Amino acid sequence: MTSEELADQVSDFIGECRSRILGIGAEQYDEGDSQKFEKMPLAGLIRYAREEAQDLAVYAAMLDIRLARLEAAFNADDN
């Protein structure tokens, strides 16, 4: 993969993020002239951010489980 191809992949990924903001994110967080997070009490924003960080860790663990299974399958094919 060239640097240009990697940059294109990153751009596509960010495009998907943008679509989420304008789709489901707008439905859940758009308050017309602002976003919900902008007006949340700081304690609520911190709690929300911590929950999202915990979700990221769970998704990372799930991905690792699937990657380990995939790695095991490839290693089995090498034997």
PDB file of N, CA and C in Angstrom:
ATOM      1  N   MET A   1       0.845  -1.167   0.000  1.00  0.00           N
ATOM      2  CA  MET A   1       0.000   0.000   0.000  1.00  0.00           C
ATOM      3  C   MET A   1       0.896   1.237   0.000  1.00  0.00           C
ATOM      4  N   THR A   2       0.603   2.127  -0.892  1.00  0.00           N
ATOM      5  CA  THR A   2       1.368   3.367  -0.952  1.00  0.00           C
ATOM      6  C   THR A   2       0.833   4.359   0.085  1.00  0.00           C
ATOM      7  N   SER A   3       1.587   5.415   0.304  1.00  0.00           N
ATOM      8  CA  SER A   3       1.117   6.468   1.208  1.00  0.00           C
ATOM      9  C   SER A   3      -0.176   7.086   0.689  1.00  0.00           C
ATOM     10  N   GLU A   4      -0.267   7.237  -0.599  1.00  0.00           N
ATOM     11  CA  GLU A   4      -1.480   7.791  -1.219  1.00  0.00           C
ATOM     12  C   GLU A   4      -2.684   6.872  -0.979  1.00  0.00           C
ATOM     13  N   GLU A   5      -2.471   5.575  -1.146  1.00  0.00           N
ATOM     14  CA  GLU A   5      -3.554   4.616  -0.898  1.00  0.00           C
ATOM     15  C   GLU A   5      -3.975   4.622   0.571  1.00  0.00           C
ATOM     16  N   LEU A   6      -3.003   4.690   1.462  1.00  0.00           N
ATOM     17  CA  LEU A   6      -3.320   4.769   2.889  1.00  0.00           C
ATOM     18  C   LEU A   6      -4.105   6.039   3.186  1.00  0.00           C
ATOM     19  N   ALA A   7      -3.672   7.150   2.615  1.00  0.00           N
ATOM     20  CA  ALA A   7      -4.386   8.412   2.810  1.00  0.00           C
ATOM     21  C   ALA A   7      -5.823   8.312   2.301  1.00  0.00           C
ATOM     22  N   ASP A   8      -6.024   7.632   1.181  1.00  0.00           N
ATOM     23  CA  ASP A   8      -7.368   7.430   0.646  1.00  0.00           C
ATOM     24  C   ASP A   8      -8.221   6.597   1.595  1.00  0.00           C
ATOM     25  N   GLN A   9      -7.618   5.561   2.179  1.00  0.00           N
ATOM     26  CA  GLN A   9      -8.350   4.714   3.134  1.00  0.00           C
ATOM     27  C   GLN A   9      -8.739   5.522   4.369  1.00  0.00           C
ATOM     28  N   VAL A  10      -7.830   6.335   4.854  1.00  0.00           N
ATOM     29  CA  VAL A  10      -8.129   7.190   6.010  1.00  0.00           C
ATOM     30  C   VAL A  10      -9.251   8.158   5.657  1.00  0.00           C
ATOM     31  N   SER A  11      -9.196   8.729   4.469  1.00  0.00           N
ATOM     32  CA  SER A  11     -10.234   9.651   4.024  1.00  0.00           C
ATOM     33  C   SER A  11     -11.594   8.945   3.965  1.00  0.00           C
ATOM     34  N   ASP A  12     -11.615   7.719   3.456  1.00  0.00           N
ATOM     35  CA  ASP A  12     -12.861   6.949   3.410  1.00  0.00           C
ATOM     36  C   ASP A  12     -13.395   6.694   4.819  1.00  0.00           C
ATOM     37  N   PHE A  13     -12.498   6.346   5.730  1.00  0.00           N
ATOM     38  CA  PHE A  13     -12.879   6.093   7.118  1.00  0.00           C
ATOM     39  C   PHE A  13     -13.489   7.347   7.741  1.00  0.00           C
ATOM     40  N   ILE A  14     -12.835   8.476   7.530  1.00  0.00           N
ATOM     41  CA  ILE A  14     -13.340   9.737   8.080  1.00  0.00           C
ATOM     42  C   ILE A  14     -14.675  10.091   7.426  1.00  0.00           C
ATOM     43  N   GLY A  15     -14.819   9.762   6.154  1.00  0.00           N
ATOM     44  CA  GLY A  15     -16.099   9.977   5.479  1.00  0.00           C
ATOM     45  C   GLY A  15     -17.221   9.187   6.135  1.00  0.00           C
ATOM     46  N   GLU A  16     -16.912   7.958   6.542  1.00  0.00           N
ATOM     47  CA  GLU A  16     -17.906   7.143   7.259  1.00  0.00           C
ATOM     48  C   GLU A  16     -18.227   7.774   8.618  1.00  0.00           C
ATOM     49  N   CYS A  17     -17.214   8.304   9.293  1.00  0.00           N
ATOM     50  CA  CYS A  17     -17.442   9.007  10.566  1.00  0.00           C
ATOM     51  C   CYS A  17     -18.358  10.199  10.345  1.00  0.00           C
ATOM     52  N   ARG A  18     -18.097  10.937   9.293  1.00  0.00           N
ATOM     53  CA  ARG A  18     -18.915  12.108   8.961  1.00  0.00           C
ATOM     54  C   ARG A  18     -20.360  11.698   8.705  1.00  0.00           C
ATOM     55  N   SER A  19     -20.540  10.586   7.997  1.00  0.00           N
ATOM     56  CA  SER A  19     -21.897  10.089   7.722  1.00  0.00           C
ATOM     57  C   SER A  19     -22.625   9.742   9.016  1.00  0.00           C
ATOM     58  N   ARG A  20     -21.904   9.178   9.974  1.00  0.00           N
ATOM     59  CA  ARG A  20     -22.521   8.862  11.267  1.00  0.00           C
ATOM     60  C   ARG A  20     -22.938  10.137  11.999  1.00  0.00           C
ATOM     61  N   ILE A  21     -22.102  11.167  11.935  1.00  0.00           N
ATOM     62  CA  ILE A  21     -22.436  12.434  12.578  1.00  0.00           C
ATOM     63  C   ILE A  21     -23.700  13.024  11.970  1.00  0.00           C
ATOM     64  N   LEU A  22     -23.791  12.972  10.653  1.00  0.00           N
ATOM     65  CA  LEU A  22     -24.924  13.577   9.954  1.00  0.00           C
ATOM     66  C   LEU A  22     -26.157  12.680   9.938  1.00  0.00           C
ATOM     67  N   GLY A  23     -25.993  11.405  10.255  1.00  0.00           N
ATOM     68  CA  GLY A  23     -27.118  10.464  10.282  1.00  0.00           C
ATOM     69  C   GLY A  23     -27.605  10.231  11.690  1.00  0.00           C
ATOM     70  N   ILE A  24     -27.230   9.085  12.248  1.00  0.00           N
ATOM     71  CA  ILE A  24     -27.677   8.708  13.588  1.00  0.00           C
ATOM     72  C   ILE A  24     -27.233   9.722  14.638  1.00  0.00           C
ATOM     73  N   GLY A  25     -26.048  10.285  14.461  1.00  0.00           N
ATOM     74  CA  GLY A  25     -25.574  11.289  15.414  1.00  0.00           C
ATOM     75  C   GLY A  25     -26.461  12.523  15.437  1.00  0.00           C
ATOM     76  N   ALA A  26     -26.896  12.960  14.266  1.00  0.00           N
ATOM     77  CA  ALA A  26     -27.784  14.124  14.199  1.00  0.00           C
ATOM     78  C   ALA A  26     -29.112  13.817  14.883  1.00  0.00           C
ATOM     79  N   GLU A  27     -29.615  12.612  14.673  1.00  0.00           N
ATOM     80  CA  GLU A  27     -30.877  12.221  15.308  1.00  0.00           C
ATOM     81  C   GLU A  27     -30.753  12.239  16.830  1.00  0.00           C
ATOM     82  N   GLN A  28     -29.616  11.817  17.346  1.00  0.00           N
ATOM     83  CA  GLN A  28     -29.455  11.672  18.784  1.00  0.00           C
ATOM     84  C   GLN A  28     -28.906  12.919  19.478  1.00  0.00           C
ATOM     85  N   TYR A  29     -28.104  13.719  18.779  1.00  0.00           N
ATOM     86  CA  TYR A  29     -27.352  14.772  19.474  1.00  0.00           C
ATOM     87  C   TYR A  29     -27.534  16.184  18.945  1.00  0.00           C
ATOM     88  N   ASP A  30     -28.114  16.332  17.760  1.00  0.00           N
ATOM     89  CA  ASP A  30     -28.282  17.669  17.186  1.00  0.00           C
ATOM     90  C   ASP A  30     -29.422  18.387  17.907  1.00  0.00           C
ATOM     91  N   GLU A  31     -29.127  19.585  18.397  1.00  0.00           N
ATOM     92  CA  GLU A  31     -30.145  20.383  19.077  1.00  0.00           C
ATOM     93  C   GLU A  31     -30.395  21.693  18.328  1.00  0.00           C
ATOM     94  N   GLY A  32     -30.300  21.620  17.019  1.00  0.00           N
ATOM     95  CA  GLY A  32     -30.570  22.789  16.190  1.00  0.00           C
ATOM     96  C   GLY A  32     -29.371  23.689  16.024  1.00  0.00           C
ATOM     97  N   ASP A  33     -29.097  24.483  17.034  1.00  0.00           N
ATOM     98  CA  ASP A  33     -27.991  25.432  16.948  1.00  0.00           C
ATOM     99  C   ASP A  33     -26.735  24.939  17.651  1.00  0.00           C
ATOM    100  N   SER A  34     -26.792  23.732  18.206  1.00  0.00           N
ATOM    101  CA  SER A  34     -25.641  23.180  18.927  1.00  0.00           C
ATOM    102  C   SER A  34     -25.755  21.662  18.986  1.00  0.00           C
ATOM    103  N   GLN A  35     -24.732  21.059  19.548  1.00  0.00           N
ATOM    104  CA  GLN A  35     -24.720  19.627  19.772  1.00  0.00           C
ATOM    105  C   GLN A  35     -24.959  19.368  21.261  1.00  0.00           C
ATOM    106  N   LYS A  36     -25.574  18.249  21.549  1.00  0.00           N
ATOM    107  CA  LYS A  36     -25.920  17.920  22.926  1.00  0.00           C
ATOM    108  C   LYS A  36     -24.714  18.032  23.873  1.00  0.00           C
ATOM    109  N   PHE A  37     -23.544  17.569  23.422  1.00  0.00           N
ATOM    110  CA  PHE A  37     -22.368  17.579  24.294  1.00  0.00           C
ATOM    111  C   PHE A  37     -21.956  18.994  24.695  1.00  0.00           C
ATOM    112  N   GLU A  38     -22.288  19.979  23.873  1.00  0.00           N
ATOM    113  CA  GLU A  38     -21.886  21.350  24.165  1.00  0.00           C
ATOM    114  C   GLU A  38     -22.614  21.938  25.374  1.00  0.00           C
ATOM    115  N   LYS A  39     -23.792  21.416  25.648  1.00  0.00           N
ATOM    116  CA  LYS A  39     -24.597  21.954  26.746  1.00  0.00           C
ATOM    117  C   LYS A  39     -24.713  20.994  27.929  1.00  0.00           C
ATOM    118  N   MET A  40     -24.115  19.815  27.792  1.00  0.00           N
ATOM    119  CA  MET A  40     -24.187  18.850  28.884  1.00  0.00           C
ATOM    120  C   MET A  40     -23.444  19.386  30.098  1.00  0.00           C
ATOM    121  N   PRO A  41     -23.977  19.129  31.273  1.00  0.00           N
ATOM    122  CA  PRO A  41     -23.185  19.447  32.464  1.00  0.00           C
ATOM    123  C   PRO A  41     -21.874  18.663  32.407  1.00  0.00           C
ATOM    124  N   LEU A  42     -20.806  19.257  32.897  1.00  0.00           N
ATOM    125  CA  LEU A  42     -19.493  18.637  32.800  1.00  0.00           C
ATOM    126  C   LEU A  42     -19.485  17.225  33.384  1.00  0.00           C
ATOM    127  N   ALA A  43     -20.154  17.016  34.509  1.00  0.00           N
ATOM    128  CA  ALA A  43     -20.194  15.679  35.121  1.00  0.00           C
ATOM    129  C   ALA A  43     -20.835  14.668  34.164  1.00  0.00           C
ATOM    130  N   GLY A  44     -21.883  15.075  33.466  1.00  0.00           N
ATOM    131  CA  GLY A  44     -22.538  14.197  32.498  1.00  0.00           C
ATOM    132  C   GLY A  44     -21.643  13.899  31.311  1.00  0.00           C
ATOM    133  N   LEU A  45     -20.936  14.904  30.837  1.00  0.00           N
ATOM    134  CA  LEU A  45     -20.028  14.714  29.707  1.00  0.00           C
ATOM    135  C   LEU A  45     -18.896  13.772  30.082  1.00  0.00           C
ATOM    136  N   ILE A  46     -18.369  13.917  31.282  1.00  0.00           N
ATOM    137  CA  ILE A  46     -17.304  13.026  31.737  1.00  0.00           C
ATOM    138  C   ILE A  46     -17.815  11.593  31.825  1.00  0.00           C
ATOM    139  N   ARG A  47     -18.996  11.407  32.397  1.00  0.00           N
ATOM    140  CA  ARG A  47     -19.581  10.061  32.507  1.00  0.00           C
ATOM    141  C   ARG A  47     -19.779   9.453  31.111  1.00  0.00           C
ATOM    142  N   TYR A  48     -20.351  10.258  30.202  1.00  0.00           N
ATOM    143  CA  TYR A  48     -20.590   9.807  28.834  1.00  0.00           C
ATOM    144  C   TYR A  48     -19.273   9.424  28.153  1.00  0.00           C
ATOM    145  N   ALA A  49     -18.248  10.258  28.295  1.00  0.00           N
ATOM    146  CA  ALA A  49     -16.950   9.987  27.666  1.00  0.00           C
ATOM    147  C   ALA A  49     -16.334   8.712  28.237  1.00  0.00           C
ATOM    148  N   ARG A  50     -16.461   8.509  29.534  1.00  0.00           N
ATOM    149  CA  ARG A  50     -15.929   7.289  30.143  1.00  0.00           C
ATOM    150  C   ARG A  50     -16.657   6.058  29.609  1.00  0.00           C
ATOM    151  N   GLU A  51     -17.966   6.148  29.456  1.00  0.00           N
ATOM    152  CA  GLU A  51     -18.723   5.022  28.904  1.00  0.00           C
ATOM    153  C   GLU A  51     -18.274   4.718  27.479  1.00  0.00           C
ATOM    154  N   GLU A  52     -18.052   5.759  26.696  1.00  0.00           N
ATOM    155  CA  GLU A  52     -17.590   5.559  25.320  1.00  0.00           C
ATOM    156  C   GLU A  52     -16.193   4.942  25.305  1.00  0.00           C
ATOM    157  N   ALA A  53     -15.320   5.368  26.203  1.00  0.00           N
ATOM    158  CA  ALA A  53     -13.970   4.787  26.300  1.00  0.00           C
ATOM    159  C   ALA A  53     -14.069   3.310  26.674  1.00  0.00           C
ATOM    160  N   GLN A  54     -14.976   2.977  27.576  1.00  0.00           N
ATOM    161  CA  GLN A  54     -15.167   1.576  27.954  1.00  0.00           C
ATOM    162  C   GLN A  54     -15.687   0.765  26.768  1.00  0.00           C
ATOM    163  N   ASP A  55     -16.599   1.356  25.995  1.00  0.00           N
ATOM    164  CA  ASP A  55     -17.090   0.673  24.789  1.00  0.00           C
ATOM    165  C   ASP A  55     -15.948   0.411  23.812  1.00  0.00           C
ATOM    166  N   LEU A  56     -15.048   1.387  23.658  1.00  0.00           N
ATOM    167  CA  LEU A  56     -13.902   1.193  22.766  1.00  0.00           C
ATOM    168  C   LEU A  56     -13.058   0.000  23.213  1.00  0.00           C
ATOM    169  N   ALA A  57     -12.848  -0.119  24.519  1.00  0.00           N
ATOM    170  CA  ALA A  57     -12.066  -1.237  25.037  1.00  0.00           C
ATOM    171  C   ALA A  57     -12.754  -2.565  24.744  1.00  0.00           C
ATOM    172  N   VAL A  58     -14.069  -2.602  24.896  1.00  0.00           N
ATOM    173  CA  VAL A  58     -14.813  -3.836  24.619  1.00  0.00           C
ATOM    174  C   VAL A  58     -14.707  -4.198  23.138  1.00  0.00           C
ATOM    175  N   TYR A  59     -14.874  -3.204  22.259  1.00  0.00           N
ATOM    176  CA  TYR A  59     -14.750  -3.478  20.828  1.00  0.00           C
ATOM    177  C   TYR A  59     -13.342  -3.934  20.473  1.00  0.00           C
ATOM    178  N   ALA A  60     -12.332  -3.362  21.115  1.00  0.00           N
ATOM    179  CA  ALA A  60     -10.952  -3.792  20.879  1.00  0.00           C
ATOM    180  C   ALA A  60     -10.774  -5.245  21.303  1.00  0.00           C
ATOM    181  N   ALA A  61     -11.342  -5.628  22.437  1.00  0.00           N
ATOM    182  CA  ALA A  61     -11.238  -7.019  22.897  1.00  0.00           C
ATOM    183  C   ALA A  61     -11.958  -7.956  21.938  1.00  0.00           C
ATOM    184  N   MET A  62     -13.142  -7.563  21.481  1.00  0.00           N
ATOM    185  CA  MET A  62     -13.879  -8.406  20.526  1.00  0.00           C
ATOM    186  C   MET A  62     -13.097  -8.573  19.229  1.00  0.00           C
ATOM    187  N   LEU A  63     -12.498  -7.490  18.752  1.00  0.00           N
ATOM    188  CA  LEU A  63     -11.683  -7.555  17.544  1.00  0.00           C
ATOM    189  C   LEU A  63     -10.483  -8.467  17.755  1.00  0.00           C
ATOM    190  N   ASP A  64      -9.858  -8.359  18.930  1.00  0.00           N
ATOM    191  CA  ASP A  64      -8.709  -9.205  19.228  1.00  0.00           C
ATOM    192  C   ASP A  64      -9.097 -10.678  19.239  1.00  0.00           C
ATOM    193  N   ILE A  65     -10.247 -11.001  19.780  1.00  0.00           N
ATOM    194  CA  ILE A  65     -10.724 -12.389  19.794  1.00  0.00           C
ATOM    195  C   ILE A  65     -10.872 -12.908  18.370  1.00  0.00           C
ATOM    196  N   ARG A  66     -11.507 -12.110  17.520  1.00  0.00           N
ATOM    197  CA  ARG A  66     -11.699 -12.545  16.128  1.00  0.00           C
ATOM    198  C   ARG A  66     -10.373 -12.663  15.389  1.00  0.00           C
ATOM    199  N   LEU A  67      -9.453 -11.716  15.641  1.00  0.00           N
ATOM    200  CA  LEU A  67      -8.144 -11.778  15.002  1.00  0.00           C
ATOM    201  C   LEU A  67      -7.356 -13.000  15.471  1.00  0.00           C
ATOM    202  N   ALA A  68      -7.464 -13.342  16.748  1.00  0.00           N
ATOM    203  CA  ALA A  68      -6.782 -14.536  17.263  1.00  0.00           C
ATOM    204  C   ALA A  68      -7.319 -15.784  16.585  1.00  0.00           C
ATOM    205  N   ARG A  69      -8.616 -15.849  16.386  1.00  0.00           N
ATOM    206  CA  ARG A  69      -9.216 -17.001  15.695  1.00  0.00           C
ATOM    207  C   ARG A  69      -8.760 -17.062  14.245  1.00  0.00           C
ATOM    208  N   LEU A  70      -8.700 -15.906  13.610  1.00  0.00           N
ATOM    209  CA  LEU A  70      -8.239 -15.846  12.226  1.00  0.00           C
ATOM    210  C   LEU A  70      -6.778 -16.264  12.136  1.00  0.00           C
ATOM    211  N   GLU A  71      -5.966 -15.784  13.074  1.00  0.00           N
ATOM    212  CA  GLU A  71      -4.553 -16.154  13.112  1.00  0.00           C
ATOM    213  C   GLU A  71      -4.392 -17.650  13.314  1.00  0.00           C
ATOM    214  N   ALA A  72      -5.180 -18.227  14.200  1.00  0.00           N
ATOM    215  CA  ALA A  72      -5.115 -19.663  14.442  1.00  0.00           C
ATOM    216  C   ALA A  72      -5.497 -20.444  13.192  1.00  0.00           C
ATOM    217  N   ALA A  73      -6.479 -19.961  12.461  1.00  0.00           N
ATOM    218  CA  ALA A  73      -6.898 -20.628  11.230  1.00  0.00           C
ATOM    219  C   ALA A  73      -5.778 -20.574  10.181  1.00  0.00           C
ATOM    220  N   PHE A  74      -5.119 -19.432  10.064  1.00  0.00           N
ATOM    221  CA  PHE A  74      -4.012 -19.332   9.128  1.00  0.00           C
ATOM    222  C   PHE A  74      -2.851 -20.209   9.543  1.00  0.00           C
ATOM    223  N   ASN A  75      -2.551 -20.255  10.829  1.00  0.00           N
ATOM    224  CA  ASN A  75      -1.470 -21.105  11.326  1.00  0.00           C
ATOM    225  C   ASN A  75      -1.780 -22.579  11.111  1.00  0.00           C
ATOM    226  N   ALA A  76      -3.032 -22.959  11.243  1.00  0.00           N
ATOM    227  CA  ALA A  76      -3.435 -24.345  11.011  1.00  0.00           C
ATOM    228  C   ALA A  76      -3.236 -24.713   9.553  1.00  0.00           C
ATOM    229  N   ASP A  77      -3.473 -23.760   8.650  1.00  0.00           N
ATOM    230  CA  ASP A  77      -3.269 -24.004   7.226  1.00  0.00           C
ATOM    231  C   ASP A  77      -1.805 -24.167   6.877  1.00  0.00           C
ATOM    232  N   ASP A  78      -0.923 -23.542   7.676  1.00  0.00           N
ATOM    233  CA  ASP A  78       0.522 -23.629   7.412  1.00  0.00           C
ATOM    234  C   ASP A  78       1.086 -24.975   7.832  1.00  0.00           C
ATOM    235  N   ASN A  79       0.374 -25.710   8.676  1.00  0.00           N
ATOM    236  CA  ASN A  79       0.878 -26.995   9.169  1.00  0.00           C
ATOM    237  C   ASN A  79       0.448 -28.115   8.312  1.00  0.00           C
TER     238      ASN A  79
END
